[in-house]
Amino acid sequence: MVPHPLAQQRSDGWELGYDVLELAFWSLTRHEELGRTDLDDRDRFPAVASHAFKHGYLDRPIVDEWLEILGQTLLRQWPGLQLRTRRFATQVSHDADNPSRYAFGGLKPLARMLALDVVRRRDVGAAAKGVVLRARSRHSLQPNDPANTFDWIMEQSDQRGLTSAFHFLCGRTHPTLDAYYDPEDPRIRFLMRAIHDRGHEIGLHPSYGTYRAPDAVAAEFQRLRQVCMEEGIAQSQWGGRMHYLRWDSAATGRALNDAGLDYDNTLSYADAPGFRSGTCIEYPAFDPVSNEPLRLRIRPLVAMEATVIASRYLALGEGEQAFAKFAALKDACRSVRGTFSLLWHNTSLETDRLKELYCQVLDA
């Protein structure tokens, strides 16, 4: 129940009971997050600290719902008005944090992966296989590498008429949390060409420490563009997503804008899926510090697979509970004719069950 009518008719026309435009501005610009100190261990504003989470509407595109009400009210006042129409869509993207399980980095990262195979997965055979894959991956990524799911991802997108966006790291600003590969590596160049040749998209994944470092964002984007130019990869638009979904409302959007990116797909919470900025519809970015509109476009991210599946977040596993969560979010986007934007890492498709879940979500 809301304390006042959403809209009511007066003698001189219709009146909204709430300031819809102010709500939209507050939510879309993430004013709520400015100057906050209640951050998580990655210096991110967490879902649990948000007004939407605390008041139970994070799983609703509240701005889109309010604008639907505004649109219906306008039509009642001016029945002949032509409102802009939209169609529901699905967008899929993939952060290439680890294009190979074993190929990149020194002996220490390799030893860590092999130890995970033995201790966590209890699979000594996989560890032995990892040593062999490491030796065979010196010049090309191997098709039986568990993390090399790129062709499979593109096949799923092709079958459904979707374009996948693959985001590559192009810098190291943290000793262990960034990638062990370089975009200039021949194996990464080959992968980028293969993605481009199949009609899918290359994007930037700015490294861990760049979300408040505009010069670093610009340098990494230039590095990506240089490699793509050398490989004959031309695109009409260039987008990306911040590593670990790190976002500072006072700095990150401006940094991406000034670096020359066309759009960003970061805005979701790591600890809970849903509608961080209250919408599932692309919108122009705004700098809340300088009070200036930006050229950058924001494509809100609705769900990351790890947020739903992983034990450190919602821990819904890989079965019906996880699927139900994804499907409910997708239905919420469908109800406002918005876009269901899904992030699914290539490394989260290593089992048949994960692949099945991914396909179920795409087909929901």
Protein backbone atom coordinates (compact mmCIF):
# COMPACT_ATOMS: atom_id res chain seq x y z
CA MET A 1 0.00 0.00 0.00
CA VAL A 2 1.23 3.48 -0.86
CA PRO A 3 0.16 6.40 1.37
CA HIS A 4 -1.12 8.49 -1.54
CA PRO A 5 -2.87 7.63 -4.83
CA LEU A 6 -0.43 7.01 -7.67
CA ALA A 7 -2.50 9.26 -9.92
CA GLN A 8 -5.83 10.99 -9.57
CA GLN A 9 -8.04 13.11 -11.78
CA ARG A 10 -8.58 16.77 -10.91
CA SER A 11 -10.93 19.26 -12.46
CA ASP A 12 -8.13 20.57 -14.66
CA GLY A 13 -6.45 17.26 -15.51
CA TRP A 14 -4.53 14.37 -13.98
CA GLU A 15 -2.13 14.64 -11.06
CA LEU A 16 0.59 12.22 -10.01
CA GLY A 17 0.88 11.61 -6.29
CA TYR A 18 4.68 11.31 -6.44
CA ASP A 19 7.56 13.08 -8.11
CA VAL A 20 8.40 10.37 -10.64
CA LEU A 21 11.14 12.35 -12.37
CA GLU A 22 12.96 13.09 -9.13
CA LEU A 23 12.83 9.42 -8.17
CA ALA A 24 14.18 8.44 -11.58
CA PHE A 25 17.03 10.97 -11.39
CA TRP A 26 18.00 9.85 -7.87
CA SER A 27 18.04 6.21 -8.87
CA LEU A 28 19.64 6.44 -12.31
CA THR A 29 22.51 8.69 -11.22
CA ARG A 30 23.17 6.58 -8.09
CA HIS A 31 23.10 9.65 -5.84
CA GLU A 32 22.47 7.25 -2.97
CA GLU A 33 26.02 5.94 -3.28
CA LEU A 34 27.89 9.25 -3.20
CA GLY A 35 30.24 9.60 -0.24
CA ARG A 36 29.22 6.29 1.36
CA THR A 37 31.67 4.58 3.67
CA ASP A 38 29.69 1.37 4.33
CA LEU A 39 31.53 -0.49 1.57
CA ASP A 40 32.41 -4.16 1.27
CA ASP A 41 35.87 -5.73 1.29
CA ARG A 42 36.34 -4.76 -2.38
CA ASP A 43 35.39 -1.12 -1.72
CA ARG A 44 32.04 -1.63 -3.43
CA PHE A 45 28.70 -0.25 -2.31
CA PRO A 46 26.81 -3.46 -1.44
CA ALA A 47 23.23 -4.33 -2.19
CA VAL A 48 22.48 -4.88 1.50
CA ALA A 49 23.21 -1.20 2.19
CA SER A 50 20.89 0.05 -0.53
CA HIS A 51 17.44 1.53 -0.08
CA ALA A 52 16.09 -0.93 -2.65
CA PHE A 53 17.32 -3.98 -0.74
CA LYS A 54 16.22 -2.69 2.65
CA HIS A 55 12.74 -1.90 1.36
CA GLY A 56 12.27 -5.00 -0.77
CA TYR A 57 12.21 -3.67 -4.31
CA LEU A 58 15.67 -4.51 -5.66
CA ASP A 59 14.12 -7.23 -7.80
CA ARG A 60 11.78 -4.76 -9.51
CA PRO A 61 12.68 -2.22 -12.23
CA ILE A 62 11.03 0.48 -10.15
CA VAL A 63 11.98 3.40 -12.41
CA ASP A 64 10.53 1.63 -15.43
CA GLU A 65 7.35 0.85 -13.50
CA TRP A 66 6.98 4.48 -12.45
CA LEU A 67 7.52 5.68 -16.01
CA GLU A 68 4.86 3.22 -17.18
CA ILE A 69 2.45 4.90 -14.75
CA LEU A 70 3.52 8.30 -16.02
CA GLY A 71 2.93 7.16 -19.59
CA GLN A 72 -0.54 5.82 -18.83
CA THR A 73 -1.43 9.06 -17.04
CA LEU A 74 -0.28 11.11 -20.02
CA LEU A 75 -2.44 8.98 -22.32
CA ARG A 76 -5.46 9.59 -20.14
CA GLN A 77 -4.84 13.31 -20.34
CA TRP A 78 -3.99 13.29 -24.06
CA PRO A 79 -5.45 10.12 -25.64
CA GLY A 80 -3.94 10.85 -29.04
CA LEU A 81 -0.38 11.01 -27.70
CA GLN A 82 2.13 8.65 -29.36
CA LEU A 83 4.51 7.18 -26.78
CA ARG A 84 7.78 5.52 -27.69
CA THR A 85 7.49 1.74 -27.79
CA ARG A 86 10.11 -0.85 -26.87
CA ARG A 87 10.52 -4.58 -27.25
CA PHE A 88 11.87 -7.01 -24.68
CA ALA A 89 15.41 -8.19 -25.42
CA THR A 90 18.16 -10.33 -23.94
CA GLN A 91 21.81 -9.28 -23.83
CA VAL A 92 24.61 -11.66 -22.87
CA SER A 93 28.17 -10.79 -21.96
CA HIS A 94 31.20 -12.62 -20.67
CA ASP A 95 34.21 -11.33 -18.73
CA ALA A 96 37.36 -13.15 -19.87
CA ASP A 97 39.11 -13.09 -16.50
CA ASN A 98 40.71 -16.45 -17.28
CA PRO A 99 40.55 -17.50 -20.95
CA SER A 100 42.45 -20.67 -20.02
CA ARG A 101 42.54 -22.64 -16.81
CA TYR A 102 46.23 -23.47 -17.08
CA ALA A 103 47.92 -21.57 -19.93
CA PHE A 104 48.75 -18.17 -18.44
CA GLY A 105 50.86 -16.92 -15.55
CA GLY A 106 53.90 -18.37 -13.86
CA LEU A 107 54.35 -21.53 -11.86
CA LYS A 108 52.60 -20.15 -8.78
CA PRO A 109 49.21 -19.60 -10.49
CA LEU A 110 49.55 -23.01 -12.15
CA ALA A 111 50.28 -24.66 -8.81
CA ARG A 112 47.24 -22.93 -7.30
CA MET A 113 44.97 -24.27 -10.04
CA LEU A 114 46.37 -27.78 -9.74
CA ALA A 115 45.91 -27.65 -5.96
CA LEU A 116 42.28 -26.61 -6.44
CA ASP A 117 41.77 -29.59 -8.72
CA VAL A 118 43.11 -31.96 -6.08
CA VAL A 119 41.78 -30.41 -2.85
CA ARG A 120 38.49 -28.75 -3.77
CA ARG A 121 37.43 -30.84 -6.74
CA ARG A 122 39.12 -34.03 -5.49
CA ASP A 123 40.18 -34.73 -9.05
CA VAL A 124 43.78 -35.89 -9.31
CA GLY A 125 43.19 -36.75 -12.95
CA ALA A 126 42.29 -33.14 -13.74
CA ALA A 127 45.51 -31.97 -12.13
CA ALA A 128 47.54 -34.34 -14.30
CA LYS A 129 45.56 -33.21 -17.32
CA GLY A 130 46.33 -29.62 -16.36
CA VAL A 131 50.06 -30.20 -16.59
CA VAL A 132 49.64 -31.64 -20.09
CA LEU A 133 47.35 -28.78 -21.15
CA ARG A 134 49.87 -26.26 -19.90
CA ALA A 135 52.56 -27.76 -22.10
CA ARG A 136 50.27 -27.89 -25.14
CA SER A 137 48.95 -24.34 -24.69
CA ARG A 138 52.18 -22.50 -25.43
CA HIS A 139 51.01 -21.45 -28.88
CA SER A 140 47.22 -21.87 -28.84
CA LEU A 141 44.34 -22.41 -26.43
CA GLN A 142 43.36 -26.06 -26.34
CA PRO A 143 39.77 -27.12 -27.17
CA ASN A 144 39.65 -29.40 -24.11
CA ASP A 145 40.74 -26.64 -21.72
CA PRO A 146 37.85 -26.38 -19.18
CA ALA A 147 37.88 -22.57 -19.39
CA ASN A 148 37.93 -22.44 -23.19
CA THR A 149 34.17 -22.37 -23.65
CA PHE A 150 34.18 -19.47 -26.12
CA ASP A 151 33.13 -21.44 -29.20
CA TRP A 152 30.33 -23.11 -27.23
CA ILE A 153 29.11 -19.73 -25.94
CA MET A 154 29.05 -18.29 -29.45
CA GLU A 155 27.18 -21.34 -30.75
CA GLN A 156 24.46 -20.81 -28.13
CA SER A 157 24.20 -17.13 -28.99
CA ASP A 158 24.14 -17.82 -32.74
CA GLN A 159 21.31 -20.33 -32.32
CA ARG A 160 19.21 -17.72 -30.50
CA GLY A 161 20.04 -14.69 -32.60
CA LEU A 162 22.05 -13.07 -29.80
CA THR A 163 25.34 -11.18 -29.92
CA SER A 164 27.76 -12.01 -27.12
CA ALA A 165 30.10 -9.33 -25.80
CA PHE A 166 33.45 -10.62 -24.49
CA HIS A 167 35.37 -8.28 -22.18
CA PHE A 168 39.17 -8.53 -21.99
CA LEU A 169 41.51 -7.30 -19.28
CA CYS A 170 44.27 -5.06 -20.62
CA GLY A 171 46.25 -4.13 -17.53
CA ARG A 172 47.36 -5.18 -14.06
CA THR A 173 46.66 -2.89 -11.13
CA HIS A 174 46.52 -5.68 -8.53
CA PRO A 175 49.13 -8.43 -8.09
CA THR A 176 46.67 -11.34 -7.84
CA LEU A 177 43.15 -10.18 -8.78
CA ASP A 178 43.83 -9.18 -12.38
CA ALA A 179 44.52 -11.44 -15.35
CA TYR A 180 47.76 -13.29 -16.05
CA TYR A 181 47.49 -12.70 -19.80
CA ASP A 182 48.31 -9.75 -22.03
CA PRO A 183 46.05 -8.69 -24.91
CA GLU A 184 49.09 -8.75 -27.22
CA ASP A 185 49.61 -12.48 -26.57
CA PRO A 186 49.18 -14.38 -29.88
CA ARG A 187 46.70 -16.74 -28.21
CA ILE A 188 44.51 -13.81 -27.12
CA ARG A 189 44.83 -12.16 -30.52
CA PHE A 190 43.63 -15.38 -32.16
CA LEU A 191 40.69 -15.57 -29.74
CA MET A 192 39.69 -11.96 -30.41
CA ARG A 193 39.81 -12.54 -34.17
CA ALA A 194 37.68 -15.66 -33.83
CA ILE A 195 35.08 -13.75 -31.81
CA HIS A 196 35.03 -10.89 -34.29
CA ASP A 197 34.88 -13.17 -37.33
CA ARG A 198 31.75 -14.83 -35.93
CA GLY A 199 30.01 -11.47 -35.53
CA HIS A 200 30.34 -11.10 -31.78
CA GLU A 201 31.71 -8.18 -29.82
CA ILE A 202 35.02 -7.34 -28.13
CA GLY A 203 34.91 -5.12 -25.06
CA LEU A 204 37.10 -3.76 -22.29
CA HIS A 205 37.28 -5.13 -18.75
CA PRO A 206 39.13 -2.34 -16.89
CA SER A 207 41.42 -3.85 -14.27
CA TYR A 208 40.83 -3.96 -10.52
CA GLY A 209 42.38 -0.64 -9.53
CA THR A 210 41.07 1.54 -12.35
CA TYR A 211 37.61 2.46 -11.12
CA ARG A 212 38.96 5.69 -9.60
CA ALA A 213 41.88 6.08 -12.03
CA PRO A 214 40.81 7.74 -15.29
CA ASP A 215 44.31 7.71 -16.80
CA ALA A 216 44.57 3.95 -16.26
CA VAL A 217 41.16 3.35 -17.87
CA ALA A 218 42.20 5.41 -20.89
CA ALA A 219 45.53 3.58 -21.21
CA GLU A 220 43.90 0.15 -21.04
CA PHE A 221 41.25 1.10 -23.59
CA GLN A 222 43.93 2.42 -25.93
CA ARG A 223 45.83 -0.84 -25.51
CA LEU A 224 42.74 -2.84 -26.48
CA ARG A 225 42.02 -0.62 -29.47
CA GLN A 226 45.62 -0.92 -30.66
CA VAL A 227 45.51 -4.73 -30.60
CA CYS A 228 42.15 -4.75 -32.35
CA MET A 229 43.38 -2.34 -35.01
CA GLU A 230 46.41 -4.55 -35.66
CA GLU A 231 44.10 -7.56 -36.01
CA GLY A 232 41.68 -5.79 -38.36
CA ILE A 233 38.90 -5.70 -35.78
CA ALA A 234 36.59 -2.72 -36.32
CA GLN A 235 33.37 -2.16 -34.39
CA SER A 236 30.64 0.48 -34.49
CA GLN A 237 30.61 0.65 -30.69
CA TRP A 238 32.95 -0.14 -27.82
CA GLY A 239 31.72 -1.04 -24.39
CA GLY A 240 32.88 -2.76 -21.27
CA ARG A 241 32.41 -3.61 -17.63
CA MET A 242 34.52 -2.90 -14.56
CA HIS A 243 36.44 -5.81 -13.03
CA TYR A 244 34.74 -7.13 -9.86
CA LEU A 245 31.86 -4.72 -10.63
CA ARG A 246 33.79 -1.97 -8.84
CA TRP A 247 32.00 1.34 -9.32
CA ASP A 248 32.32 4.76 -7.73
CA SER A 249 29.41 6.99 -8.75
CA ALA A 250 31.60 10.05 -8.35
CA ALA A 251 34.38 8.86 -10.66
CA THR A 252 33.90 5.70 -12.72
CA GLY A 253 31.34 6.85 -15.25
CA ARG A 254 33.32 10.00 -15.98
CA ALA A 255 36.52 7.95 -16.44
CA LEU A 256 34.87 5.61 -18.94
CA ASN A 257 33.28 8.52 -20.77
CA ASP A 258 36.53 10.45 -21.07
CA ALA A 259 38.41 7.35 -22.21
CA GLY A 260 36.05 7.14 -25.19
CA LEU A 261 33.89 4.11 -24.43
CA ASP A 262 30.39 4.17 -25.87
CA TYR A 263 28.64 2.21 -23.12
CA ASP A 264 29.17 0.51 -19.78
CA ASN A 265 27.53 -2.65 -18.43
CA THR A 266 28.68 -2.66 -14.79
CA LEU A 267 25.71 -1.44 -12.79
CA SER A 268 24.56 -4.40 -10.74
CA TYR A 269 25.51 -5.54 -7.26
CA ALA A 270 27.89 -8.42 -6.65
CA ASP A 271 26.01 -9.62 -3.56
CA ALA A 272 22.47 -9.58 -4.99
CA PRO A 273 21.05 -9.52 -8.52
CA GLY A 274 18.39 -7.08 -9.61
CA PHE A 275 17.98 -3.48 -10.58
CA ARG A 276 20.70 -1.38 -8.96
CA SER A 277 19.72 1.76 -10.84
CA GLY A 278 16.03 0.86 -10.90
CA THR A 279 15.88 0.11 -14.61
CA CYS A 280 16.56 -2.51 -17.25
CA ILE A 281 16.57 0.04 -20.05
CA GLU A 282 19.69 1.72 -21.47
CA TYR A 283 20.04 5.37 -20.52
CA PRO A 284 22.54 8.25 -20.82
CA ALA A 285 25.10 8.51 -18.02
CA PHE A 286 25.22 11.57 -15.80
CA ASP A 287 28.06 12.92 -13.67
CA PRO A 288 26.45 13.66 -10.27
CA VAL A 289 29.51 15.61 -9.11
CA SER A 290 29.72 18.12 -11.96
CA ASN A 291 25.98 17.83 -12.73
CA GLU A 292 26.72 17.21 -16.40
CA PRO A 293 25.27 14.68 -18.84
CA LEU A 294 27.85 12.33 -20.37
CA ARG A 295 28.16 10.82 -23.83
CA LEU A 296 28.53 7.38 -22.21
CA ARG A 297 25.47 5.14 -22.19
CA ILE A 298 24.60 2.93 -19.22
CA ARG A 299 23.37 -0.59 -19.97
CA PRO A 300 22.21 -1.88 -16.59
CA LEU A 301 23.38 -5.37 -15.68
CA VAL A 302 20.55 -7.42 -14.17
CA ALA A 303 22.34 -10.60 -13.07
CA MET A 304 25.78 -12.17 -12.82
CA GLU A 305 25.85 -15.94 -12.59
CA ALA A 306 28.17 -15.98 -9.56
CA THR A 307 25.82 -13.73 -7.60
CA VAL A 308 23.04 -16.29 -7.87
CA ILE A 309 25.04 -19.51 -7.79
CA ALA A 310 28.13 -18.99 -5.62
CA SER A 311 28.20 -19.87 -1.92
CA ARG A 312 29.62 -16.46 -0.99
CA TYR A 313 26.52 -14.69 -2.34
CA LEU A 314 22.96 -16.06 -2.71
CA ALA A 315 24.21 -19.67 -2.79
CA LEU A 316 21.24 -20.96 -4.80
CA GLY A 317 23.35 -23.62 -6.48
CA GLU A 318 22.96 -24.89 -10.03
CA GLY A 319 19.43 -26.29 -9.92
CA GLU A 320 15.82 -25.17 -9.83
CA GLN A 321 16.28 -22.46 -7.20
CA ALA A 322 18.90 -20.70 -9.28
CA PHE A 323 16.85 -21.03 -12.45
CA ALA A 324 13.76 -19.66 -10.71
CA LYS A 325 15.70 -16.58 -9.61
CA PHE A 326 17.04 -15.88 -13.10
CA ALA A 327 13.61 -16.50 -14.64
CA ALA A 328 11.88 -14.13 -12.20
CA LEU A 329 14.34 -11.36 -13.03
CA LYS A 330 13.89 -12.00 -16.73
CA ASP A 331 10.11 -11.82 -16.33
CA ALA A 332 10.48 -8.51 -14.49
CA CYS A 333 12.38 -7.13 -17.49
CA ARG A 334 9.80 -8.56 -19.86
CA SER A 335 6.96 -6.88 -17.94
CA VAL A 336 8.34 -3.41 -18.78
CA ARG A 337 9.62 -4.37 -22.24
CA GLY A 338 13.18 -3.85 -21.08
CA THR A 339 16.43 -5.75 -21.56
CA PHE A 340 17.53 -8.74 -19.50
CA SER A 341 21.30 -8.23 -19.32
CA LEU A 342 23.14 -11.35 -18.17
CA LEU A 343 26.82 -11.77 -17.30
CA TRP A 344 28.06 -15.34 -17.43
CA HIS A 345 31.80 -16.01 -17.16
CA ASN A 346 33.40 -18.49 -19.54
CA THR A 347 34.82 -20.28 -16.49
CA SER A 348 31.32 -20.94 -15.13
CA LEU A 349 30.48 -23.37 -17.92
CA GLU A 350 32.90 -26.13 -17.05
CA THR A 351 30.24 -28.78 -16.33
CA ASP A 352 27.26 -30.11 -18.25
CA ARG A 353 24.94 -28.93 -15.48
CA LEU A 354 26.20 -25.34 -15.69
CA LYS A 355 25.82 -25.40 -19.46
CA GLU A 356 22.28 -26.72 -19.08
CA LEU A 357 21.41 -23.97 -16.59
CA TYR A 358 22.85 -21.31 -18.89
CA CYS A 359 20.72 -22.54 -21.79
CA GLN A 360 17.64 -22.70 -19.58
CA VAL A 361 18.13 -19.07 -18.59
CA LEU A 362 18.58 -17.99 -22.22
CA ASP A 363 15.40 -19.83 -23.20
CA ALA A 364 13.25 -18.74 -20.24
